[in-house]
């Protein structure tokens, strides 16, 4: 599945923020755990040093007889509920607080301070132990503290981080979507403008925001490219128009001379055949030059077509006589099915007549003698138009759109033998574009073709 840039930016932004929150949360959790444990160890170490100093003092004062009672009193003064146990190493117990009886700790060993964490009845404890020499005696001193409050604090911290992750992702997704929307606004304007540029409005340029950022530099680069394309396109169109205009005179002269020579009815059959070929080719060249000149004018920056309001049947009636005569020359029956309703449209009267004749000429050219061509006008709720169908050779599905390309032929041979120039349907499409018209092709090889042309109705609001 392909995602849009906005969706990808939102996804990336959310993923990065989620990863940051996760790493930050893990760091905070382990940092808090280490900090609380270090604080507890510091308290226990301070308490152990205090107990050791207390026993040293009692020894120096020769008051070791009541050491148990003194340690009990000293234990009650320890802060935060610390528990104390003192015993002779490998000897009897001197003092043990009541809660310490349930704690089984690992002996610290000689000249070693041992810190350890133990759990009793699902309650966590942190403990410290050390062997301390006091005169000739060696005492094992152990202190422990209940870590339940710290464990609850860590648990609340974990739940806070768990809830923060999806909330942070949602906020990041919203922020990423909003930010990407703001960032892509100029890009959307560039896309809309670029998609509207075609051969008829090459003078359009991409908008500049004036920020001189990357998008502005991209727009400037594309505008410079469009300037070069526009200039080249105008030169080609001008050349085509000039060449077509200049070629009309010699081709007309060749055609006229061929007609005059044929009128003298020469006895040489080969000469007559040659003159007939010259006349046929000159007629084809005249038609080709006329079509090229039409396309060159359409591609150029000339004045737009003059538009007026008229009725579809007016244009059809203007070409019926020509259409019937054209079909009769090839022994093809022509049928017209008129629309019994008014179909108003807004356009150029002569251009529409030419479009109708192009489709009729195309149908007659590719329909064998004895076939039929039908012209039908129609209208619906929003459009009106005409349909030209025939019983000719038909088209393959892959050719339905290619036939509107200039000089395209179904057999791909650039030859005038069928009498066409390969430009008629291209001219029709260009003229229809100026009328906001649409063409639909229905055809199969060997089963004829149907061209349906639609225009927006002038009496219906778009």
Protein backbone atom coordinates (compact mmCIF):
# COMPACT_ATOMS: atom_id res chain seq x y z
CA UNK A 1 0.00 0.00 0.00
CA UNK A 2 1.38 3.37 -1.04
CA UNK A 3 1.07 6.12 1.58
CA UNK A 4 0.92 9.83 0.89
CA UNK A 5 3.72 12.12 2.01
CA UNK A 6 1.43 13.52 4.72
CA UNK A 7 0.70 10.03 6.05
CA UNK A 8 4.38 9.06 5.95
CA UNK A 9 5.45 12.25 7.74
CA UNK A 10 2.79 11.66 10.40
CA UNK A 11 3.86 8.02 10.81
CA UNK A 12 7.56 8.90 10.99
CA UNK A 13 6.97 11.74 13.43
CA UNK A 14 4.80 9.54 15.67
CA UNK A 15 7.32 6.69 15.56
CA UNK A 16 10.25 8.96 16.41
CA UNK A 17 8.37 10.59 19.31
CA UNK A 18 7.22 7.17 20.57
CA UNK A 19 10.80 5.88 20.45
CA UNK A 20 12.02 8.98 22.31
CA UNK A 21 9.31 8.57 24.97
CA UNK A 22 10.14 4.87 25.31
CA UNK A 23 13.88 5.44 25.66
CA UNK A 24 13.33 8.37 27.97
CA UNK A 25 10.87 6.35 30.07
CA UNK A 26 13.24 3.40 30.35
CA UNK A 27 16.04 5.78 31.28
CA UNK A 28 13.90 7.52 33.91
CA UNK A 29 12.76 4.19 35.36
CA UNK A 30 16.24 2.75 35.73
CA UNK A 31 17.58 6.10 36.88
CA UNK A 32 14.88 6.40 39.54
CA UNK A 33 15.42 2.78 40.65
CA UNK A 34 19.16 3.31 40.89
CA UNK A 35 18.69 6.63 42.71
CA UNK A 36 16.29 5.21 45.30
CA UNK A 37 18.53 2.21 45.88
CA UNK A 38 21.59 4.45 46.24
CA UNK A 39 19.72 6.63 48.74
CA UNK A 40 18.71 3.56 50.73
CA UNK A 41 22.31 2.23 50.65
CA UNK A 42 23.61 5.58 51.84
CA UNK A 43 21.14 5.59 54.74
CA UNK A 44 22.03 2.02 55.66
CA UNK A 45 25.78 2.74 55.44
CA UNK A 46 25.35 5.76 57.69
CA UNK A 47 23.32 3.72 60.17
CA UNK A 48 25.86 0.88 60.12
CA UNK A 49 28.73 3.30 60.79
CA UNK A 50 26.70 4.77 63.63
CA UNK A 51 26.09 1.39 65.24
CA UNK A 52 29.77 0.48 64.81
CA UNK A 53 30.86 3.75 66.44
CA UNK A 54 28.33 3.20 69.25
CA UNK A 55 29.75 -0.26 70.07
CA UNK A 56 33.32 1.11 69.90
CA UNK A 57 32.36 3.80 72.38
CA UNK A 58 30.77 1.29 74.76
CA UNK A 59 33.91 -0.82 74.60
CA UNK A 60 36.18 2.12 75.38
CA UNK A 61 33.97 3.01 78.35
CA UNK A 62 33.98 -0.61 79.56
CA UNK A 63 30.18 -0.72 79.37
CA UNK A 64 29.77 -3.91 77.34
CA UNK A 65 27.74 -5.65 80.07
CA UNK A 66 24.43 -4.05 79.08
CA UNK A 67 25.20 -3.93 75.32
CA UNK A 68 21.95 -5.72 74.39
CA UNK A 69 19.75 -3.16 76.16
CA UNK A 70 21.77 -0.29 74.77
CA UNK A 71 21.48 -1.66 71.21
CA UNK A 72 17.72 -2.07 71.65
CA UNK A 73 17.46 1.56 72.70
CA UNK A 74 19.78 2.64 69.88
CA UNK A 75 17.73 0.64 67.32
CA UNK A 76 14.57 2.48 68.30
CA UNK A 77 16.28 5.74 67.41
CA UNK A 78 17.20 4.67 63.88
CA UNK A 79 15.21 6.65 61.27
CA UNK A 80 12.74 5.27 58.69
CA UNK A 81 12.12 2.00 60.49
CA UNK A 82 15.56 0.54 60.04
CA UNK A 83 15.97 -2.91 61.55
CA UNK A 84 19.15 -3.94 63.37
CA UNK A 85 20.82 -7.22 64.13
CA UNK A 86 24.17 -7.62 65.95
CA UNK A 87 25.87 -10.93 66.69
CA UNK A 88 29.31 -12.20 67.43
CA UNK A 89 30.91 -13.69 64.35
CA UNK A 90 30.54 -17.45 64.77
CA UNK A 91 29.04 -16.68 68.14
CA UNK A 92 25.86 -15.87 70.03
CA UNK A 93 23.31 -13.22 69.05
CA UNK A 94 23.71 -9.88 70.83
CA UNK A 95 20.60 -8.10 69.63
CA UNK A 96 17.98 -8.64 66.93
CA UNK A 97 14.98 -6.46 66.17
CA UNK A 98 11.71 -8.38 65.86
CA UNK A 99 11.23 -7.88 62.05
CA UNK A 100 14.82 -8.99 61.42
CA UNK A 101 13.99 -12.52 62.48
CA UNK A 102 12.29 -13.13 59.14
CA UNK A 103 15.23 -11.88 57.09
CA UNK A 104 17.82 -14.45 56.13
CA UNK A 105 20.83 -12.53 54.86
CA UNK A 106 24.08 -13.74 53.32
CA UNK A 107 27.01 -13.28 55.74
CA UNK A 108 29.18 -10.35 54.62
CA UNK A 109 32.53 -11.99 55.22
CA UNK A 110 35.71 -10.66 56.79
CA UNK A 111 36.45 -6.95 56.15
CA UNK A 112 33.70 -6.71 53.60
CA UNK A 113 30.52 -4.65 53.29
CA UNK A 114 27.73 -6.61 51.65
CA UNK A 115 24.63 -4.96 50.20
CA UNK A 116 21.70 -7.11 49.12
CA UNK A 117 18.01 -7.01 48.32
CA UNK A 118 15.62 -9.60 49.72
CA UNK A 119 11.87 -10.16 49.56
CA UNK A 120 9.82 -11.56 52.46
CA UNK A 121 6.07 -12.11 52.07
CA UNK A 122 6.05 -10.01 48.85
CA UNK A 123 7.66 -7.10 50.70
CA UNK A 124 11.00 -5.84 49.41
CA UNK A 125 13.88 -5.04 51.78
CA UNK A 126 17.29 -3.52 51.28
CA UNK A 127 20.01 -4.72 53.68
CA UNK A 128 23.67 -4.08 54.47
CA UNK A 129 26.04 -6.18 56.52
CA UNK A 130 29.62 -5.85 57.75
CA UNK A 131 32.02 -7.55 60.20
CA UNK A 132 33.42 -4.98 62.65
CA UNK A 133 36.34 -5.62 65.05
CA UNK A 134 35.86 -3.99 68.47
CA UNK A 135 38.84 -4.75 70.66
CA UNK A 136 39.27 -8.48 70.82
CA UNK A 137 35.68 -9.04 69.66
CA UNK A 138 34.44 -9.40 66.05
CA UNK A 139 30.84 -8.36 65.58
CA UNK A 140 28.58 -8.95 62.59
CA UNK A 141 26.34 -5.92 62.17
CA UNK A 142 23.33 -6.06 59.80
CA UNK A 143 20.82 -3.31 59.01
CA UNK A 144 17.72 -3.54 56.78
CA UNK A 145 15.00 -1.14 55.69
CA UNK A 146 11.55 -1.74 54.21
CA UNK A 147 11.44 -0.63 50.55
CA UNK A 148 7.68 -1.03 50.03
CA UNK A 149 7.11 2.71 49.57
CA UNK A 150 9.90 2.91 47.04
CA UNK A 151 8.52 -0.13 45.19
CA UNK A 152 5.07 1.50 45.04
CA UNK A 153 6.67 4.67 43.75
CA UNK A 154 8.44 2.69 41.00
CA UNK A 155 5.21 0.92 40.12
CA UNK A 156 3.35 4.22 39.77
CA UNK A 157 6.21 5.51 37.64
CA UNK A 158 5.93 2.46 35.34
CA UNK A 159 2.18 2.93 34.89
CA UNK A 160 2.73 6.62 34.23
CA UNK A 161 5.21 5.78 31.49
CA UNK A 162 2.90 3.10 30.04
CA UNK A 163 0.03 5.58 29.78
CA UNK A 164 2.30 8.33 28.51
CA UNK A 165 3.42 6.31 25.49
CA UNK A 166 0.06 6.06 23.62
CA UNK A 167 -0.94 9.59 24.68
CA UNK A 168 2.38 10.90 23.45
CA UNK A 169 1.97 8.99 20.17
CA UNK A 170 -1.52 10.44 19.63
CA UNK A 171 -0.31 13.95 20.35
CA UNK A 172 2.69 13.40 18.09
CA UNK A 173 0.44 12.05 15.31
CA UNK A 174 -1.82 15.09 15.59
CA UNK A 175 1.15 17.45 15.65
CA UNK A 176 2.78 15.61 12.72
CA UNK A 177 -0.42 15.69 10.67
CA UNK A 178 -0.96 19.40 11.35
CA UNK A 179 2.68 20.24 10.67
CA UNK A 180 2.79 18.21 7.45
CA UNK A 181 -0.43 19.87 6.31
CA UNK A 182 1.12 23.29 6.79
CA UNK A 183 4.33 22.23 5.07
CA UNK A 184 2.54 20.65 2.09
CA UNK A 185 0.24 23.63 1.39
CA UNK A 186 2.73 25.29 -1.01
CA UNK A 187 3.51 21.89 -2.54
CA UNK A 188 -0.20 21.35 -3.21
CA UNK A 189 -0.40 24.76 -4.88
CA UNK A 190 2.58 23.84 -7.06
CA UNK A 191 0.95 20.51 -7.97
CA UNK A 192 -2.41 22.09 -8.84
CA UNK A 193 -0.78 24.76 -10.98
CA UNK A 194 1.53 22.29 -12.73
CA UNK A 195 -1.38 19.92 -13.50
CA UNK A 196 -3.31 22.76 -15.16
CA UNK A 197 -0.47 23.66 -17.54
CA UNK A 198 -0.87 22.32 -21.07
CA UNK A 199 -0.18 23.40 -24.63
CA UNK A 200 -2.83 26.13 -24.48
CA UNK A 201 -1.60 27.86 -21.33
CA UNK A 202 2.14 27.33 -21.28
CA UNK A 203 2.40 30.89 -20.04
CA UNK A 204 1.24 29.83 -16.57
CA UNK A 205 3.96 29.68 -13.93
CA UNK A 206 4.26 28.00 -10.55
CA UNK A 207 3.57 30.25 -7.54
CA UNK A 208 6.39 31.58 -5.36
CA UNK A 209 5.93 32.16 -1.64
CA UNK A 210 8.86 34.58 -1.38
CA UNK A 211 10.57 32.62 1.40
CA UNK A 212 13.41 31.45 -0.87
CA UNK A 213 13.23 28.03 0.72
CA UNK A 214 13.62 24.66 -1.01
CA UNK A 215 10.11 24.75 -2.47
CA UNK A 216 10.67 28.28 -3.79
CA UNK A 217 13.91 27.20 -5.43
CA UNK A 218 12.13 24.17 -6.92
CA UNK A 219 9.38 26.42 -8.31
CA UNK A 220 11.94 28.80 -9.80
CA UNK A 221 13.78 25.91 -11.46
CA UNK A 222 10.57 24.50 -12.91
CA UNK A 223 9.50 27.97 -14.07
CA UNK A 224 12.80 28.40 -15.92
CA UNK A 225 12.26 25.00 -17.51
CA UNK A 226 8.71 26.00 -18.52
CA UNK A 227 10.09 29.21 -20.06
CA UNK A 228 12.41 27.16 -22.25
CA UNK A 229 9.66 24.69 -23.17
CA UNK A 230 7.27 27.55 -23.96
CA UNK A 231 9.80 29.23 -26.21
CA UNK A 232 10.59 25.98 -28.02
CA UNK A 233 6.91 25.13 -28.38
CA UNK A 234 6.14 28.54 -29.86
CA UNK A 235 9.01 28.21 -32.31
CA UNK A 236 7.78 24.79 -33.44
CA UNK A 237 4.18 26.01 -33.76
CA UNK A 238 5.31 29.09 -35.68
CA UNK A 239 7.49 26.99 -37.95
CA UNK A 240 4.64 24.56 -38.64
CA UNK A 241 2.26 27.42 -39.39
CA UNK A 242 4.77 29.20 -41.62
CA UNK A 243 5.75 26.02 -43.47
CA UNK A 244 2.11 25.01 -43.97
CA UNK A 245 1.24 28.46 -45.22
CA UNK A 246 4.17 28.55 -47.64
CA UNK A 247 3.44 25.04 -48.96
CA UNK A 248 -0.17 25.80 -49.84
CA UNK A 249 0.74 27.86 -52.92
CA UNK A 250 3.01 25.31 -54.68
CA UNK A 251 0.69 22.43 -53.86
CA UNK A 252 -2.27 24.38 -55.25
CA UNK A 253 -0.26 25.12 -58.39
CA UNK A 254 0.64 21.44 -58.84
CA UNK A 255 -2.99 20.43 -58.38
CA UNK A 256 -4.25 23.05 -60.85
CA UNK A 257 -1.73 22.07 -63.52
CA UNK A 258 -2.52 18.38 -63.07
CA UNK A 259 -6.23 19.08 -63.49
CA UNK A 260 -5.58 21.18 -66.66
CA UNK A 261 -3.41 18.49 -68.20
CA UNK A 262 -5.97 15.81 -67.46
CA UNK A 263 -8.68 17.91 -69.10
CA UNK A 264 -6.76 17.68 -72.40
CA UNK A 265 -7.36 13.92 -72.26
CA UNK A 266 -3.89 12.79 -73.38
CA UNK A 267 -3.75 9.64 -75.50
CA UNK A 268 -0.82 8.29 -73.53
CA UNK A 269 -2.43 6.14 -70.82
CA UNK A 270 0.76 6.12 -68.76
CA UNK A 271 0.81 9.92 -68.78
CA UNK A 272 -2.84 10.03 -67.78
CA UNK A 273 -2.18 7.56 -64.95
CA UNK A 274 0.81 9.61 -63.77
CA UNK A 275 -1.19 12.84 -63.82
CA UNK A 276 -3.97 11.14 -61.87
CA UNK A 277 -1.47 10.09 -59.23
CA UNK A 278 -0.04 13.62 -59.10
CA UNK A 279 -3.54 15.04 -58.68
CA UNK A 280 -4.42 12.50 -55.96
CA UNK A 281 -1.23 13.15 -54.04
CA UNK A 282 -1.59 16.93 -54.37
CA UNK A 283 -5.13 16.72 -52.97
CA UNK A 284 -3.81 14.67 -50.08
CA UNK A 285 -0.99 17.19 -49.53
CA UNK A 286 -3.47 20.08 -49.62
CA UNK A 287 -5.62 18.36 -46.98
CA UNK A 288 -2.55 17.54 -44.86
CA UNK A 289 -1.27 21.13 -45.05
CA UNK A 290 -4.71 22.45 -44.11
CA UNK A 291 -4.85 20.13 -41.08
CA UNK A 292 -1.32 21.07 -40.01
CA UNK A 293 -2.18 24.74 -40.27
CA UNK A 294 -5.29 24.17 -38.15
CA UNK A 295 -3.28 22.39 -35.45
CA UNK A 296 -0.53 25.02 -35.54
CA UNK A 297 -3.10 27.76 -35.00
CA UNK A 298 -4.70 25.80 -32.19
CA UNK A 299 -1.33 25.23 -30.52
CA UNK A 300 -0.29 28.87 -30.89
CA UNK A 301 -1.22 31.73 -28.65
CA UNK A 302 -3.83 33.16 -31.03
CA UNK A 303 -7.20 34.54 -30.09
CA UNK A 304 -9.66 32.07 -28.56
CA UNK A 305 -12.69 30.77 -30.43
CA UNK A 306 -15.68 33.07 -30.49
CA UNK A 307 -18.40 31.41 -28.43
CA UNK A 308 -22.16 31.79 -28.79
CA UNK A 309 -25.36 30.12 -27.66
CA UNK A 310 -26.96 27.87 -30.26
CA UNK A 311 -28.87 24.62 -30.62
CA UNK A 312 -27.16 21.33 -31.43
CA UNK A 313 -29.49 20.47 -34.31
CA UNK A 314 -28.42 23.66 -36.12
CA UNK A 315 -24.87 22.35 -36.52
CA UNK A 316 -26.10 18.89 -37.51
CA UNK A 317 -28.50 20.24 -40.13
CA UNK A 318 -25.65 22.29 -41.65
CA UNK A 319 -23.58 19.15 -42.41
CA UNK A 320 -26.27 16.63 -43.37
CA UNK A 321 -26.06 17.30 -47.10
CA UNK A 322 -22.28 16.89 -47.13
CA UNK A 323 -22.49 13.77 -44.98
CA UNK A 324 -25.03 12.07 -47.26
CA UNK A 325 -23.00 12.98 -50.35
CA UNK A 326 -19.80 11.65 -48.78
CA UNK A 327 -21.48 8.35 -47.87
CA UNK A 328 -23.01 8.01 -51.31
CA UNK A 329 -19.61 8.21 -53.03
CA UNK A 330 -18.67 4.92 -51.32
CA UNK A 331 -22.08 3.23 -51.65
CA UNK A 332 -22.67 3.51 -47.88
CA UNK A 333 -26.11 4.09 -46.43
CA UNK A 334 -26.40 7.09 -44.09
CA UNK A 335 -29.03 7.33 -41.36
CA UNK A 336 -29.81 10.35 -39.18
CA UNK A 337 -31.80 9.92 -35.95
CA UNK A 338 -32.68 13.43 -34.76
CA UNK A 339 -33.43 14.52 -31.24
CA UNK A 340 -36.98 15.77 -30.72
CA UNK A 341 -35.95 18.07 -27.90
CA UNK A 342 -34.05 21.33 -27.73
CA UNK A 343 -30.38 20.77 -26.77
CA UNK A 344 -28.76 24.21 -26.23
CA UNK A 345 -25.00 24.46 -25.88
CA UNK A 346 -22.40 27.21 -25.71
CA UNK A 347 -19.61 27.04 -28.26
CA UNK A 348 -18.34 27.86 -31.72
CA UNK A 349 -20.77 26.96 -34.49
CA UNK A 350 -18.26 26.32 -37.28
CA UNK A 351 -15.93 24.32 -35.01
CA UNK A 352 -18.75 22.01 -33.99
CA UNK A 353 -19.71 21.47 -37.63
CA UNK A 354 -16.12 20.50 -38.38
CA UNK A 355 -16.05 18.07 -35.45
CA UNK A 356 -19.22 16.35 -36.69
CA UNK A 357 -17.82 16.05 -40.22
CA UNK A 358 -14.52 14.66 -38.93
CA UNK A 359 -16.29 11.78 -37.19
CA UNK A 360 -18.59 11.14 -40.16
CA UNK A 361 -15.63 11.22 -42.59
CA UNK A 362 -13.73 8.83 -40.33
CA UNK A 363 -16.70 6.44 -40.20
CA UNK A 364 -17.19 6.52 -43.98
CA UNK A 365 -13.45 6.03 -44.68
CA UNK A 366 -13.22 2.84 -42.61
CA UNK A 367 -16.57 1.32 -43.61
CA UNK A 368 -16.55 -0.94 -46.69
CA UNK A 369 -19.05 -0.39 -49.53
CA UNK A 370 -22.50 -1.64 -48.67
CA UNK A 371 -22.08 -0.75 -44.99
CA UNK A 372 -23.93 1.88 -42.98
CA UNK A 373 -23.19 4.96 -40.90
CA UNK A 374 -25.62 6.40 -38.36
CA UNK A 375 -25.66 9.85 -36.79
CA UNK A 376 -27.79 10.25 -33.69
CA UNK A 377 -28.26 13.27 -31.42
CA UNK A 378 -29.19 12.88 -27.78
CA UNK A 379 -29.54 14.74 -24.46
CA UNK A 380 -29.83 13.92 -20.75
CA UNK A 381 -29.95 15.80 -17.46
CA UNK A 382 -26.62 17.58 -17.79
CA UNK A 383 -25.20 16.89 -21.25
CA UNK A 384 -26.13 16.81 -24.88
CA UNK A 385 -24.26 15.54 -27.91
CA UNK A 386 -24.15 13.18 -30.85
CA UNK A 387 -23.11 9.61 -31.59
CA UNK A 388 -21.57 8.43 -34.87
CA UNK A 389 -21.58 4.66 -35.35
CA UNK A 390 -20.62 2.51 -38.31
CA UNK A 391 -20.33 -1.08 -39.47
CA UNK A 392 -16.69 -0.72 -40.46
CA UNK A 393 -13.47 -2.51 -39.61
CA UNK A 394 -13.55 -1.53 -35.93
CA UNK A 395 -10.76 -0.92 -33.45
CA UNK A 396 -8.79 -3.02 -31.00
CA UNK A 397 -9.24 -1.97 -27.35
CA UNK A 398 -5.59 -0.84 -27.11
CA UNK A 399 -6.18 1.65 -29.95
CA UNK A 400 -9.17 3.44 -28.40
CA UNK A 401 -7.10 6.27 -26.97
CA UNK A 402 -4.16 6.19 -29.38
CA UNK A 403 -6.29 7.14 -32.39
CA UNK A 404 -6.53 10.69 -31.05
CA UNK A 405 -2.77 11.12 -31.25
CA UNK A 406 -1.41 13.07 -34.21
CA UNK A 407 -0.43 10.99 -37.24
CA UNK A 408 -1.39 7.75 -35.47
CA UNK A 409 -2.76 5.03 -37.69
CA UNK A 410 -4.22 1.74 -36.59
CA UNK A 411 -1.86 -0.20 -38.88
CA UNK A 412 1.02 2.08 -37.78
CA UNK A 413 1.87 2.81 -41.45
CA UNK A 414 2.38 6.47 -42.31
CA UNK A 415 0.76 6.21 -45.76
CA UNK A 416 -1.99 8.26 -47.40
CA UNK A 417 -3.52 5.27 -49.22
CA UNK A 418 -6.77 5.43 -47.22
CA UNK A 419 -7.14 9.12 -48.05
CA UNK A 420 -6.67 10.32 -44.47
CA UNK A 421 -3.90 12.40 -42.95
CA UNK A 422 -3.96 10.88 -39.46
CA UNK A 423 -4.79 14.33 -38.02
CA UNK A 424 -8.59 14.46 -38.16
CA UNK A 425 -9.34 12.91 -34.76
CA UNK A 426 -6.50 14.91 -33.17
CA UNK A 427 -8.09 18.11 -34.52
CA UNK A 428 -11.50 16.97 -33.26
CA UNK A 429 -10.11 16.34 -29.79
CA UNK A 430 -8.44 19.76 -29.68
CA UNK A 431 -11.65 21.48 -30.77
CA UNK A 432 -13.67 19.52 -28.21
CA UNK A 433 -11.26 20.47 -25.44
CA UNK A 434 -12.12 24.10 -26.10
CA UNK A 435 -15.82 23.21 -25.63
CA UNK A 436 -15.27 21.07 -22.51
CA UNK A 437 -16.45 18.13 -24.59
CA UNK A 438 -15.80 14.46 -23.92
CA UNK A 439 -15.36 11.51 -26.29
CA UNK A 440 -16.25 7.89 -25.55
CA UNK A 441 -15.21 5.09 -27.92
CA UNK A 442 -16.91 1.70 -28.17
CA UNK A 443 -15.48 -0.70 -30.74
CA UNK A 444 -14.18 -4.16 -31.45
CA UNK A 445 -12.15 -5.42 -34.39
CA UNK A 446 -14.45 -6.36 -37.26
CA UNK A 447 -17.59 -5.12 -35.51
CA UNK A 448 -17.64 -1.42 -36.33
CA UNK A 449 -17.10 1.57 -34.04
CA UNK A 450 -19.19 4.06 -32.12
CA UNK A 451 -17.98 7.54 -31.10
CA UNK A 452 -20.11 9.30 -28.49
CA UNK A 453 -19.41 13.04 -28.09
CA UNK A 454 -20.86 14.93 -25.11
CA UNK A 455 -21.08 18.66 -24.32
CA UNK A 456 -22.30 20.41 -21.17
CA UNK A 457 -25.80 21.73 -21.73
CA UNK A 458 -26.06 25.51 -21.64
CA UNK A 459 -29.37 25.45 -19.77
CA UNK A 460 -28.02 23.37 -16.87
CA UNK A 461 -25.82 24.92 -14.21
CA UNK A 462 -22.58 22.97 -13.63
